[in-house]
Protein backbone atom coordinates (compact mmCIF):
# COMPACT_ATOMS: atom_id res chain seq x y z
CA MET A 1 27.46 -17.36 -180.97
CA ALA A 2 27.53 -20.35 -183.32
CA GLU A 3 30.18 -18.69 -185.53
CA ASP A 4 32.34 -17.80 -182.52
CA LEU A 5 32.10 -21.38 -181.30
CA GLU A 6 33.14 -22.77 -184.68
CA VAL A 7 36.19 -20.47 -184.85
CA LYS A 8 37.25 -21.34 -181.31
CA ALA A 9 36.79 -25.03 -181.98
CA ARG A 10 39.01 -24.92 -185.08
CA GLU A 11 41.69 -22.96 -183.25
CA LEU A 12 41.60 -25.36 -180.32
CA LYS A 13 41.84 -28.36 -182.64
CA SER A 14 44.90 -26.90 -184.35
CA LEU A 15 46.66 -26.03 -181.10
CA LEU A 16 45.96 -29.40 -179.57
CA GLY A 17 47.36 -31.13 -182.64
CA ARG A 18 50.57 -29.09 -182.48
CA CYS A 19 50.91 -29.75 -178.76
CA SER A 20 50.48 -33.47 -179.36
CA GLY A 21 53.26 -33.44 -181.96
CA LEU A 22 55.61 -31.57 -179.68
CA LEU A 23 55.02 -33.96 -176.86
CA LYS A 24 55.83 -36.88 -179.14
CA GLY A 25 59.16 -35.28 -179.95
CA THR A 26 60.08 -34.36 -176.38
CA GLY A 27 59.64 -37.92 -175.23
CA ARG A 28 62.01 -39.57 -177.75
CA MET A 29 65.75 -39.35 -178.58
CA ASP A 30 67.55 -40.72 -181.61
CA GLY A 31 70.56 -43.01 -181.53
CA GLN A 32 73.10 -40.15 -181.15
CA GLY A 33 71.27 -38.53 -178.27
CA LYS A 34 69.69 -35.85 -180.43
CA LYS A 35 66.06 -34.93 -180.81
CA PRO A 36 64.26 -35.85 -184.05
CA ARG A 37 64.89 -33.70 -187.10
CA GLU A 38 61.24 -32.61 -187.29
CA LEU A 39 61.48 -30.95 -183.91
CA GLU A 40 64.93 -29.42 -184.56
CA ALA A 41 63.73 -28.02 -187.88
CA LYS A 42 60.98 -26.00 -186.23
CA HIS A 43 62.18 -22.40 -185.98
CA ASP A 44 58.89 -21.29 -184.42
CA ARG A 45 59.08 -23.54 -181.41
CA ILE A 46 56.34 -23.03 -178.86
CA GLN A 47 57.04 -23.85 -175.28
CA ILE A 48 54.80 -26.62 -174.02
CA SER A 49 53.86 -24.69 -170.91
CA GLU A 50 52.80 -21.64 -172.92
CA LEU A 51 50.81 -23.76 -175.34
CA GLN A 52 49.02 -25.51 -172.50
CA GLY A 53 48.14 -22.11 -171.01
CA THR A 54 46.66 -21.02 -174.34
CA ILE A 55 44.65 -24.22 -174.58
CA LYS A 56 43.34 -23.76 -171.06
CA LYS A 57 42.21 -20.24 -171.90
CA LEU A 58 40.44 -21.42 -175.05
CA LYS A 59 38.70 -24.16 -173.09
CA GLN A 60 37.36 -21.56 -170.66
CA GLU A 61 36.07 -19.46 -173.55
CA LEU A 62 34.39 -22.52 -175.04
CA ALA A 63 32.76 -23.24 -171.70
CA ASN A 64 31.40 -19.68 -171.56
CA ILE A 65 29.91 -20.02 -175.03
CA LYS A 66 28.39 -23.44 -174.36
CA LYS A 67 26.83 -22.79 -170.97
CA HIS A 68 24.50 -25.78 -171.20
CA GLU A 69 27.01 -28.19 -172.72
CA PRO A 70 27.60 -31.05 -170.28
CA ARG A 71 31.19 -31.66 -169.21
CA VAL A 72 32.96 -34.65 -170.71
CA GLU A 73 34.88 -36.58 -168.11
CA SER A 74 38.08 -38.40 -169.03
CA GLN A 75 37.68 -42.15 -169.22
CA THR A 76 41.17 -42.74 -167.76
CA LYS A 77 43.24 -41.07 -165.09
CA THR A 78 44.68 -37.93 -166.63
CA LYS A 79 48.33 -36.94 -166.51
CA GLU A 80 50.23 -34.12 -168.16
CA THR A 81 51.19 -36.39 -171.02
CA GLN A 82 50.46 -36.90 -174.67
CA GLU A 83 47.57 -39.28 -173.84
CA SER A 84 45.71 -36.71 -171.76
CA LEU A 85 45.98 -34.06 -174.46
CA GLN A 86 44.81 -36.41 -177.19
CA GLU A 87 41.91 -37.54 -175.05
CA SER A 88 40.91 -33.92 -174.42
CA TYR A 89 41.12 -33.28 -178.14
CA TYR A 90 38.69 -36.04 -178.99
CA ASP A 91 36.33 -35.02 -176.18
CA TYR A 92 36.06 -31.47 -177.47
CA SER A 93 35.66 -32.66 -181.06
CA GLU A 94 32.73 -34.79 -179.92
CA ASP A 95 31.23 -31.85 -178.03
CA ASN A 96 31.13 -29.76 -181.19
CA THR A 97 29.45 -32.59 -183.05
CA THR A 98 26.95 -32.89 -180.20
CA LEU A 99 26.24 -29.18 -180.32
CA ALA A 100 25.59 -29.35 -184.06
CA LEU A 101 23.15 -32.22 -183.51
CA VAL A 102 21.42 -30.27 -180.74
CA LEU A 103 20.84 -27.36 -183.11
CA VAL A 104 19.26 -29.74 -185.63
CA PHE A 105 17.19 -31.58 -183.02
CA ARG A 106 15.50 -28.32 -182.02
CA PHE A 107 13.21 -28.80 -185.03
CA LEU A 108 12.01 -32.25 -183.92
CA THR A 109 8.85 -33.12 -182.03
CA PHE A 110 8.79 -34.95 -178.73
CA SER A 111 8.19 -38.37 -180.30
CA GLU A 112 10.91 -37.76 -182.89
CA LEU A 113 13.40 -36.85 -180.16
CA LEU A 114 12.70 -40.15 -178.47
CA LEU A 115 13.34 -42.01 -181.72
CA VAL A 116 16.61 -40.34 -182.75
CA GLY A 117 18.10 -41.20 -179.37
CA ARG A 118 18.11 -44.86 -180.44
CA VAL A 119 20.44 -44.29 -183.41
CA SER A 120 23.72 -44.14 -181.49
CA ARG A 121 25.21 -43.07 -178.18
CA LEU A 122 26.22 -39.72 -179.64
CA TRP A 123 22.70 -39.07 -180.93
CA GLN A 124 21.25 -40.20 -177.63
CA ARG A 125 23.49 -37.77 -175.76
CA ALA A 126 22.48 -34.94 -178.10
CA SER A 127 18.77 -35.79 -177.88
CA LEU A 128 18.92 -35.57 -174.08
CA HIS A 129 20.56 -32.14 -174.03
CA PRO A 130 18.76 -29.98 -171.42
CA SER A 131 18.20 -27.12 -173.88
CA LEU A 132 15.93 -29.38 -175.97
CA TRP A 133 13.64 -30.00 -173.03
CA GLU A 134 12.82 -26.45 -171.91
CA LEU A 135 9.30 -27.16 -173.19
CA ILE A 136 7.81 -30.62 -172.63
CA ASP A 137 4.49 -30.94 -174.47
CA LEU A 138 2.98 -34.37 -173.87
CA SER A 139 -0.39 -33.72 -175.48
CA ASP A 140 -2.29 -36.84 -176.58
CA TYR A 141 0.57 -39.30 -176.05
CA ARG A 142 0.26 -42.89 -174.94
CA LEU A 143 2.95 -43.32 -172.31
CA ASP A 144 3.50 -44.63 -168.82
CA SER A 145 5.23 -43.38 -165.72
CA ASP A 146 8.51 -45.12 -166.60
CA VAL A 147 8.91 -42.95 -169.70
CA LEU A 148 8.54 -39.79 -167.62
CA ILE A 149 11.07 -41.06 -165.08
CA LYS A 150 13.63 -41.69 -167.84
CA LEU A 151 13.04 -38.22 -169.29
CA ALA A 152 13.47 -36.56 -165.93
CA ASN A 153 17.27 -36.60 -166.10
CA SER A 154 17.13 -34.21 -169.06
CA CYS A 155 14.68 -31.80 -167.42
CA THR A 156 17.06 -29.78 -165.27
CA SER A 157 16.34 -26.67 -167.38
CA THR A 158 12.66 -27.31 -168.15
CA LYS A 159 10.52 -24.18 -167.98
CA GLN A 160 7.14 -25.44 -169.21
CA ILE A 161 5.34 -28.79 -168.94
CA ILE A 162 2.05 -29.59 -170.70
CA LEU A 163 0.19 -32.80 -169.84
CA GLN A 164 -3.01 -33.01 -171.87
CA GLY A 165 -5.13 -35.89 -173.10
CA LEU A 166 -3.00 -38.61 -171.49
CA THR A 167 -5.72 -41.23 -171.51
CA PRO A 168 -5.14 -44.71 -170.03
CA PRO A 169 -5.02 -47.78 -172.29
CA PRO A 170 -8.45 -49.26 -173.03
CA ALA A 171 -9.72 -51.94 -170.68
CA THR A 172 -9.98 -55.45 -172.04
CA PRO A 173 -13.40 -57.17 -171.86
CA LYS A 174 -12.23 -59.78 -169.32
CA VAL A 175 -10.83 -57.21 -166.86
CA ASP A 176 -12.94 -56.22 -163.86
CA LEU A 177 -13.95 -52.56 -164.19
CA GLN A 178 -13.17 -51.62 -160.60
CA GLY A 179 -9.84 -53.40 -160.78
CA TYR A 180 -9.03 -51.54 -163.98
CA ILE A 181 -9.87 -48.19 -162.36
CA ASP A 182 -7.73 -48.98 -159.33
CA SER A 183 -4.79 -49.98 -161.52
CA GLN A 184 -4.91 -46.80 -163.57
CA LYS A 185 -5.61 -44.33 -160.76
CA ALA A 186 -2.68 -41.93 -160.27
CA GLY A 187 -0.69 -44.06 -162.72
CA LEU A 188 1.42 -41.15 -163.99
CA GLU A 189 2.09 -39.36 -160.73
CA ALA A 190 5.38 -41.14 -159.98
CA GLY A 191 6.70 -39.97 -163.35
CA LEU A 192 5.27 -36.49 -162.85
CA LYS A 193 6.99 -36.27 -159.47
CA ALA A 194 10.31 -37.20 -161.08
CA LEU A 195 9.84 -34.55 -163.78
CA LEU A 196 8.92 -31.80 -161.34
CA SER A 197 11.71 -32.72 -158.93
CA LYS A 198 14.34 -32.48 -161.67
CA ALA A 199 12.94 -29.24 -163.10
CA GLY A 200 12.81 -27.71 -159.63
CA PRO A 201 13.07 -23.90 -159.51
CA SER A 202 13.48 -23.63 -163.30
CA LEU A 203 9.83 -24.65 -163.92
CA LEU A 204 7.62 -21.63 -164.59
CA SER A 205 4.52 -23.11 -166.23
CA LEU A 206 2.52 -26.32 -165.65
CA SER A 207 -0.67 -27.41 -167.44
CA ILE A 208 -2.59 -30.57 -166.50
CA SER A 209 -5.87 -31.27 -168.28
CA GLN A 210 -7.95 -34.18 -169.56
CA CYS A 211 -5.85 -36.95 -168.03
CA PRO A 212 -8.62 -39.22 -166.71
CA LEU A 213 -7.68 -41.35 -163.69
CA ARG A 214 -3.94 -41.10 -164.35
CA ILE A 215 -3.37 -37.76 -162.57
CA THR A 216 -5.26 -36.74 -159.42
CA GLU A 217 -5.39 -33.60 -157.28
CA ARG A 218 -2.35 -35.05 -155.49
CA SER A 219 -0.35 -33.56 -158.37
CA LEU A 220 -1.05 -30.15 -156.83
CA TRP A 221 0.56 -31.32 -153.59
CA ILE A 222 3.58 -32.59 -155.51
CA THR A 223 3.86 -29.28 -157.32
CA SER A 224 3.83 -27.37 -154.04
CA PHE A 225 6.94 -29.24 -152.84
CA THR A 226 8.95 -29.12 -156.06
CA SER A 227 8.21 -25.91 -158.01
CA PRO A 228 8.76 -22.78 -155.89
CA SER A 229 9.18 -20.51 -158.95
CA LEU A 230 5.94 -21.55 -160.67
CA ALA A 231 4.14 -18.58 -162.26
CA PHE A 232 1.43 -20.32 -164.37
CA LEU A 233 -0.78 -23.27 -163.41
CA LEU A 234 -3.71 -24.83 -165.25
CA TYR A 235 -5.51 -27.81 -163.70
CA GLN A 236 -8.61 -29.53 -165.07
CA SER A 237 -9.86 -32.95 -164.02
CA GLU A 238 -13.31 -34.50 -164.25
CA GLU A 239 -12.62 -37.13 -161.57
CA PHE A 240 -10.40 -35.17 -159.16
CA PRO A 241 -11.33 -31.48 -158.88
CA PRO A 242 -9.17 -29.16 -156.74
CA THR A 243 -9.88 -29.40 -153.01
CA PRO A 244 -9.33 -26.78 -150.28
CA GLU A 245 -6.48 -28.87 -148.85
CA SER A 246 -4.62 -29.14 -152.16
CA ILE A 247 -4.97 -25.39 -152.84
CA TRP A 248 -3.77 -24.61 -149.32
CA SER A 249 -0.64 -26.70 -149.92
CA LEU A 250 -0.13 -25.10 -153.32
CA SER A 251 -0.40 -21.59 -151.91
CA ASN A 252 2.27 -22.36 -149.32
CA GLY A 253 4.70 -23.90 -151.79
CA CYS A 254 4.10 -21.73 -154.88
CA PRO A 255 3.18 -18.22 -153.69
CA ARG A 256 4.62 -16.62 -156.85
CA ILE A 257 1.85 -17.91 -159.11
CA GLN A 258 0.46 -15.05 -161.20
CA SER A 259 -1.84 -16.97 -163.54
CA LEU A 260 -4.08 -19.66 -161.97
CA HIS A 261 -6.73 -21.64 -163.86
CA LEU A 262 -8.77 -24.21 -161.90
CA TYR A 263 -11.69 -25.62 -163.87
CA PRO A 264 -14.76 -27.27 -162.30
CA THR A 265 -15.97 -30.78 -163.04
CA GLU A 266 -19.19 -31.93 -164.70
CA ASP A 267 -20.00 -34.23 -161.79
CA GLU A 268 -22.39 -32.40 -159.48
CA GLU A 269 -21.35 -34.28 -156.35
CA LEU A 270 -17.62 -33.85 -156.96
CA ASP A 271 -18.16 -30.24 -157.93
CA LYS A 272 -19.24 -29.44 -154.39
CA GLN A 273 -15.64 -29.98 -153.24
CA TYR A 274 -14.76 -26.89 -155.24
CA ASN A 275 -16.27 -24.39 -152.84
CA ASP A 276 -15.69 -21.07 -151.06
CA LYS A 277 -12.88 -22.60 -148.97
CA VAL A 278 -10.91 -22.98 -152.20
CA LEU A 279 -11.53 -19.29 -152.95
CA TYR A 280 -10.41 -18.36 -149.44
CA HIS A 281 -7.04 -20.10 -149.88
CA ILE A 282 -6.63 -18.59 -153.35
CA GLY A 283 -7.19 -15.07 -152.05
CA LYS A 284 -4.96 -15.56 -149.03
CA GLY A 285 -2.13 -17.53 -150.63
CA PHE A 286 -1.62 -15.90 -154.07
CA PRO A 287 -1.26 -12.12 -153.62
CA LEU A 288 0.47 -11.72 -157.00
CA LEU A 289 -2.42 -13.13 -159.06
CA THR A 290 -3.26 -11.22 -162.24
CA GLU A 291 -5.19 -13.95 -164.12
CA LEU A 292 -7.72 -16.32 -162.58
CA THR A 293 -10.16 -19.02 -163.72
CA ILE A 294 -12.59 -20.41 -161.15
CA GLY A 295 -16.04 -21.98 -161.15
CA GLY A 296 -18.37 -24.65 -159.90
CA GLN A 297 -21.72 -25.09 -158.21
CA GLY A 298 -20.13 -24.95 -154.77
CA LEU A 299 -19.17 -21.28 -155.15
CA THR A 300 -21.31 -18.43 -153.80
CA ILE A 301 -21.50 -14.74 -154.57
CA SER A 302 -20.23 -14.00 -151.05
CA GLY A 303 -17.13 -16.16 -151.59
CA ILE A 304 -16.38 -14.55 -154.95
CA THR A 305 -16.80 -11.05 -153.47
CA GLN A 306 -14.38 -11.79 -150.61
CA LEU A 307 -11.92 -13.21 -153.14
CA MET A 308 -12.03 -10.02 -155.22
CA THR A 309 -11.23 -7.87 -152.20
CA ARG A 310 -7.96 -9.80 -151.70
CA LEU A 311 -6.76 -9.60 -155.31
CA PRO A 312 -6.32 -5.93 -156.27
CA ARG A 313 -3.88 -6.80 -159.10
CA LEU A 314 -6.32 -9.09 -160.90
CA HIS A 315 -6.95 -7.96 -164.48
CA THR A 316 -8.35 -11.17 -166.05
CA LEU A 317 -11.22 -13.16 -164.54
CA HIS A 318 -12.91 -16.23 -166.06
CA LEU A 319 -15.91 -17.62 -164.18
CA VAL A 320 -17.12 -21.08 -165.30
CA LYS A 321 -20.51 -22.45 -164.20
CA GLY A 322 -20.66 -19.91 -161.40
CA PRO A 323 -23.65 -18.61 -159.43
CA GLN A 324 -26.14 -16.25 -161.05
CA ILE A 325 -25.08 -12.61 -161.24
CA SER A 326 -27.95 -10.18 -160.73
CA TYR A 327 -28.01 -6.39 -160.81
CA GLU A 328 -27.54 -6.29 -157.02
CA THR A 329 -24.50 -8.57 -157.31
CA ALA A 330 -23.04 -6.34 -160.02
CA ASN A 331 -23.46 -3.42 -157.61
CA HIS A 332 -21.23 -5.21 -155.08
CA PHE A 333 -18.64 -5.81 -157.79
CA SER A 334 -18.62 -2.17 -158.90
CA SER A 335 -15.98 -1.06 -156.39
CA LEU A 336 -13.85 -4.20 -156.75
CA LEU A 337 -11.18 -5.11 -159.29
CA PRO A 338 -10.39 -1.57 -160.49
CA SER A 339 -7.75 -2.95 -162.91
CA LEU A 340 -10.05 -5.48 -164.58
CA LEU A 341 -9.33 -5.71 -168.32
CA LEU A 342 -11.00 -8.97 -169.34
CA LEU A 343 -14.10 -10.65 -167.89
CA GLN A 344 -15.39 -13.93 -169.29
CA LEU A 345 -18.46 -15.79 -168.06
CA THR A 346 -18.96 -19.35 -169.30
CA HIS A 347 -22.32 -20.96 -168.50
CA THR A 348 -22.75 -18.45 -165.69
CA PRO A 349 -26.19 -16.82 -165.82
CA ILE A 350 -26.24 -13.03 -165.71
CA SER A 351 -28.97 -10.47 -166.28
CA PRO A 352 -28.75 -7.81 -169.03
CA GLN A 353 -28.97 -5.09 -166.36
CA ALA A 354 -25.95 -6.59 -164.59
CA VAL A 355 -23.98 -6.55 -167.86
CA ILE A 356 -24.65 -2.83 -168.28
CA LYS A 357 -23.74 -2.12 -164.64
CA ILE A 358 -20.42 -3.98 -164.81
CA THR A 359 -19.48 -2.40 -168.13
CA ASP A 360 -20.29 1.11 -166.89
CA THR A 361 -18.42 0.85 -163.58
CA HIS A 362 -15.24 -0.86 -164.81
CA LYS A 363 -13.77 1.84 -167.01
CA CYS A 364 -10.62 -0.18 -167.83
CA LEU A 365 -12.60 -3.16 -169.16
CA LYS A 366 -11.51 -4.05 -172.70
CA THR A 367 -13.36 -7.34 -173.23
CA PHE A 368 -16.53 -8.68 -171.62
CA HIS A 369 -17.56 -12.01 -173.14
CA ILE A 370 -20.38 -14.31 -172.01
CA GLN A 371 -21.14 -17.83 -173.27
CA ILE A 372 -24.59 -19.05 -172.25
CA SER A 373 -27.18 -21.70 -173.04
CA PHE A 374 -30.82 -22.38 -172.20
CA ILE A 375 -29.95 -24.75 -169.36
CA ASP A 376 -28.00 -22.00 -167.54
CA TYR A 377 -31.19 -20.02 -166.95
CA PHE A 378 -33.76 -22.83 -166.78
CA ALA A 379 -31.89 -25.70 -165.17
CA ASP A 380 -35.00 -26.93 -163.36
CA GLU A 381 -36.72 -27.76 -166.65
CA GLY A 382 -33.88 -29.96 -167.85
CA LYS A 383 -34.14 -31.12 -171.43
CA THR A 384 -37.91 -30.55 -171.61
CA ARG A 385 -38.55 -26.98 -172.71
CA THR A 386 -41.86 -25.23 -172.47
CA LEU A 387 -42.98 -22.61 -174.94
CA GLY A 388 -42.95 -19.97 -172.19
CA SER A 389 -39.36 -20.67 -171.13
CA GLU A 390 -38.22 -20.68 -174.75
CA LYS A 391 -39.69 -17.20 -175.23
CA LYS A 392 -38.07 -15.92 -172.03
CA TYR A 393 -34.69 -17.24 -173.07
CA GLN A 394 -35.00 -15.76 -176.53
CA GLN A 395 -35.84 -12.41 -174.97
CA ILE A 396 -32.70 -12.60 -172.84
CA ILE A 397 -30.61 -13.31 -175.95
CA ASN A 398 -32.24 -10.41 -177.79
CA ASN A 399 -31.42 -8.04 -174.92
CA PHE A 400 -27.79 -9.17 -174.90
CA GLU A 401 -27.52 -8.71 -178.67
CA ALA A 402 -28.98 -5.23 -178.36
CA ILE A 403 -26.32 -4.35 -175.78
CA ALA A 404 -23.58 -5.77 -178.01
CA GLN A 405 -24.79 -3.63 -180.91
CA HIS A 406 -25.01 -0.46 -178.84
CA SER A 407 -22.33 2.09 -179.70
CA LYS A 408 -21.36 2.49 -176.02
CA TYR A 409 -20.86 -1.23 -175.33
CA GLY A 410 -20.31 -2.77 -178.76
CA GLY A 411 -16.52 -2.57 -178.60
CA VAL A 412 -16.41 -4.34 -175.23
CA PHE A 413 -19.37 -6.71 -174.79
CA GLN A 414 -19.82 -9.97 -176.72
CA VAL A 415 -22.39 -12.75 -176.33
CA THR A 416 -22.33 -16.35 -177.62
CA ASP A 417 -25.33 -18.67 -177.48
CA THR A 418 -23.87 -22.19 -177.18
CA GLN A 419 -27.10 -24.20 -177.32
């Protein structure tokens, strides 16, 4: 495609130059009423109308090659004169230069793209080309909402947005803590709204994680109104966990989501907002789900079971800080999720007997990984451990390791002690 474009550009440049010369000759007469000698000497005259038709055809071919290239509008009122042709010539020459810069800028990072746009107007235009912003990765950047609003104009073709680690600026000693929190709360959501609105149906993937105070669960509401084609969503917030209302709105606006990852918070009181009502709206509103991450102390085995009955396509399930899974619970799960390929339990207590039951009944299961610690099984004891509880926990670990080493389960089951 690049070679074709270069050939077409050279041909167009040559034809436009010839057309410009002809027009100069047709507009002037010498003292005896004759045309200039240069024009009379041309034996291979090309009619202006035919040449203009050729140029128009080449322009259409260039437009087909450069689908994302923005149109260059004439700065003056165009007429079928020498000036209009020369202006068109310079516009297309600039477009080729812009395209070359765009190809180079593909190798730059986000921060570098922002810097090169300050070099000149041409570089700024190239740095804002929509094809450079199909992926917006804003991991660990210090920025404000105004930066996102300015970037939004280039995000008409954005397919993936990653917002991670966008921490607020540190509070000064003289600033009131509550006032600081109020000033930073939802501080990036105006910019996020601008980004999502510009991306619109082109956005397929959105990840929001570890953005304390600056992005709230309201971002899920915004997403529901702006991103109807969304297929992947990851949301993790310690201060603003997902609520039933936000998931209900999301399910109505983004029913095509296939991969949904909603992580619980460490705060026990806030974690209660993440409950079975959230699971109800997930099961009802996302029938195409194939990958799911859920968790929290507000979830129950009953809610998880009802969720599984509504998601027959689910093949990947990650349960974080969920309720304890006993052998009886595993029995309920045995007839659910027939297509399950990957099951991961993080800080979700489960008995060795339940592990064997789940592995035996789910024949398609390729990976079953659990990550556990002492506190998952003996939360009531807190940090103080008795000798008896230590022995019980060690016995649980030994049983899991024995299952992992068994020839029947070794290729599927894995255990990690995170304490």
